[in-house]
Amino acid sequence: MAQKDLRRVQTEAQKIKAAERRLRDAIVAAQQSGETIRDIAPYANLSPSRIHQILREAERERGE
């Protein structure tokens, strides 16, 4: 029974990672369309500093 529960944990963790990637992509798109970090933050339910961090991480991943 424990293995089943652990597989469920793994599945849900993968869903979170995928959702985080989609959120990051949406944040990047919003910024590229001209929205400010302060405009984006309440819609993402995150602080402006976290939005800034996500954008920096996305830039690093793209190799900029």
C-alpha atoms as a PDB file:
ATOM      1  CA  MET A   1       0.000   0.000   0.000  1.00  0.00           C
ATOM      2  CA  ALA A   2       2.845   2.429   0.762  1.00  0.00           C
ATOM      3  CA  GLN A   3       4.229   2.156  -2.776  1.00  0.00           C
ATOM      4  CA  LYS A   4       0.882   3.233  -4.173  1.00  0.00           C
ATOM      5  CA  ASP A   5       0.903   6.285  -1.912  1.00  0.00           C
ATOM      6  CA  LEU A   6       4.475   7.120  -2.880  1.00  0.00           C
ATOM      7  CA  ARG A   7       3.635   6.883  -6.586  1.00  0.00           C
ATOM      8  CA  ARG A   8       0.737   9.243  -5.979  1.00  0.00           C
ATOM      9  CA  VAL A   9       3.093  11.698  -4.253  1.00  0.00           C
ATOM     10  CA  GLN A  10       5.449  11.453  -7.219  1.00  0.00           C
ATOM     11  CA  THR A  11       2.619  12.031  -9.707  1.00  0.00           C
ATOM     12  CA  GLU A  12       1.343  15.071  -7.834  1.00  0.00           C
ATOM     13  CA  ALA A  13       4.880  16.500  -7.553  1.00  0.00           C
ATOM     14  CA  GLN A  14       5.255  16.170 -11.319  1.00  0.00           C
ATOM     15  CA  LYS A  15       1.973  18.049 -11.782  1.00  0.00           C
ATOM     16  CA  ILE A  16       3.268  20.858  -9.567  1.00  0.00           C
ATOM     17  CA  LYS A  17       6.483  21.115 -11.587  1.00  0.00           C
ATOM     18  CA  ALA A  18       4.506  21.276 -14.828  1.00  0.00           C
ATOM     19  CA  ALA A  19       2.198  23.947 -13.404  1.00  0.00           C
ATOM     20  CA  GLU A  20       5.200  25.965 -12.239  1.00  0.00           C
ATOM     21  CA  ARG A  21       6.663  25.838 -15.766  1.00  0.00           C
ATOM     22  CA  ARG A  22       3.358  26.994 -17.257  1.00  0.00           C
ATOM     23  CA  LEU A  23       3.131  29.810 -14.727  1.00  0.00           C
ATOM     24  CA  ARG A  24       6.704  30.872 -15.505  1.00  0.00           C
ATOM     25  CA  ASP A  25       5.937  30.903 -19.216  1.00  0.00           C
ATOM     26  CA  ALA A  26       2.792  32.973 -18.612  1.00  0.00           C
ATOM     27  CA  ILE A  27       4.737  35.450 -16.467  1.00  0.00           C
ATOM     28  CA  VAL A  28       7.416  35.809 -19.141  1.00  0.00           C
ATOM     29  CA  ALA A  29       4.761  36.322 -21.812  1.00  0.00           C
ATOM     30  CA  ALA A  30       2.996  38.951 -19.727  1.00  0.00           C
ATOM     31  CA  GLN A  31       6.223  40.847 -19.191  1.00  0.00           C
ATOM     32  CA  GLN A  32       7.117  40.637 -22.865  1.00  0.00           C
ATOM     33  CA  SER A  33       3.702  42.067 -23.732  1.00  0.00           C
ATOM     34  CA  GLY A  34       4.471  45.131 -21.642  1.00  0.00           C
ATOM     35  CA  GLU A  35       3.056  44.321 -18.218  1.00  0.00           C
ATOM     36  CA  THR A  36       5.133  45.387 -15.238  1.00  0.00           C
ATOM     37  CA  ILE A  37       6.257  43.103 -12.448  1.00  0.00           C
ATOM     38  CA  ARG A  38       3.890  44.942 -10.096  1.00  0.00           C
ATOM     39  CA  ASP A  39       1.018  44.386 -12.539  1.00  0.00           C
ATOM     40  CA  ILE A  40       1.755  40.668 -12.839  1.00  0.00           C
ATOM     41  CA  ALA A  41       2.290  39.890  -9.142  1.00  0.00           C
ATOM     42  CA  PRO A  42      -1.317  40.026  -7.889  1.00  0.00           C
ATOM     43  CA  TYR A  43      -2.548  37.915 -10.791  1.00  0.00           C
ATOM     44  CA  ALA A  44       0.062  35.270  -9.999  1.00  0.00           C
ATOM     45  CA  ASN A  45      -0.676  35.588  -6.275  1.00  0.00           C
ATOM     46  CA  LEU A  46       3.045  36.151  -5.730  1.00  0.00           C
ATOM     47  CA  SER A  47       5.133  39.035  -4.476  1.00  0.00           C
ATOM     48  CA  PRO A  48       6.834  41.351  -6.975  1.00  0.00           C
ATOM     49  CA  SER A  49      10.208  40.116  -5.714  1.00  0.00           C
ATOM     50  CA  ARG A  50       9.202  36.501  -6.490  1.00  0.00           C
ATOM     51  CA  ILE A  51       8.066  37.541  -9.984  1.00  0.00           C
ATOM     52  CA  HIS A  52      11.424  39.233 -10.510  1.00  0.00           C
ATOM     53  CA  GLN A  53      13.197  36.062  -9.350  1.00  0.00           C
ATOM     54  CA  ILE A  54      11.151  33.902 -11.724  1.00  0.00           C
ATOM     55  CA  LEU A  55      12.009  36.217 -14.635  1.00  0.00           C
ATOM     56  CA  ARG A  56      15.724  36.070 -13.771  1.00  0.00           C
ATOM     57  CA  GLU A  57      15.561  32.262 -13.599  1.00  0.00           C
ATOM     58  CA  ALA A  58      13.830  32.148 -16.980  1.00  0.00           C
ATOM     59  CA  GLU A  59      16.539  34.369 -18.488  1.00  0.00           C
ATOM     60  CA  ARG A  60      19.262  32.099 -17.103  1.00  0.00           C
ATOM     61  CA  GLU A  61      17.527  29.041 -18.545  1.00  0.00           C
ATOM     62  CA  ARG A  62      17.405  30.693 -21.965  1.00  0.00           C
ATOM     63  CA  GLY A  63      21.096  31.485 -21.644  1.00  0.00           C
ATOM     64  CA  GLU A  64      20.741  35.257 -21.622  1.00  0.00           C
END
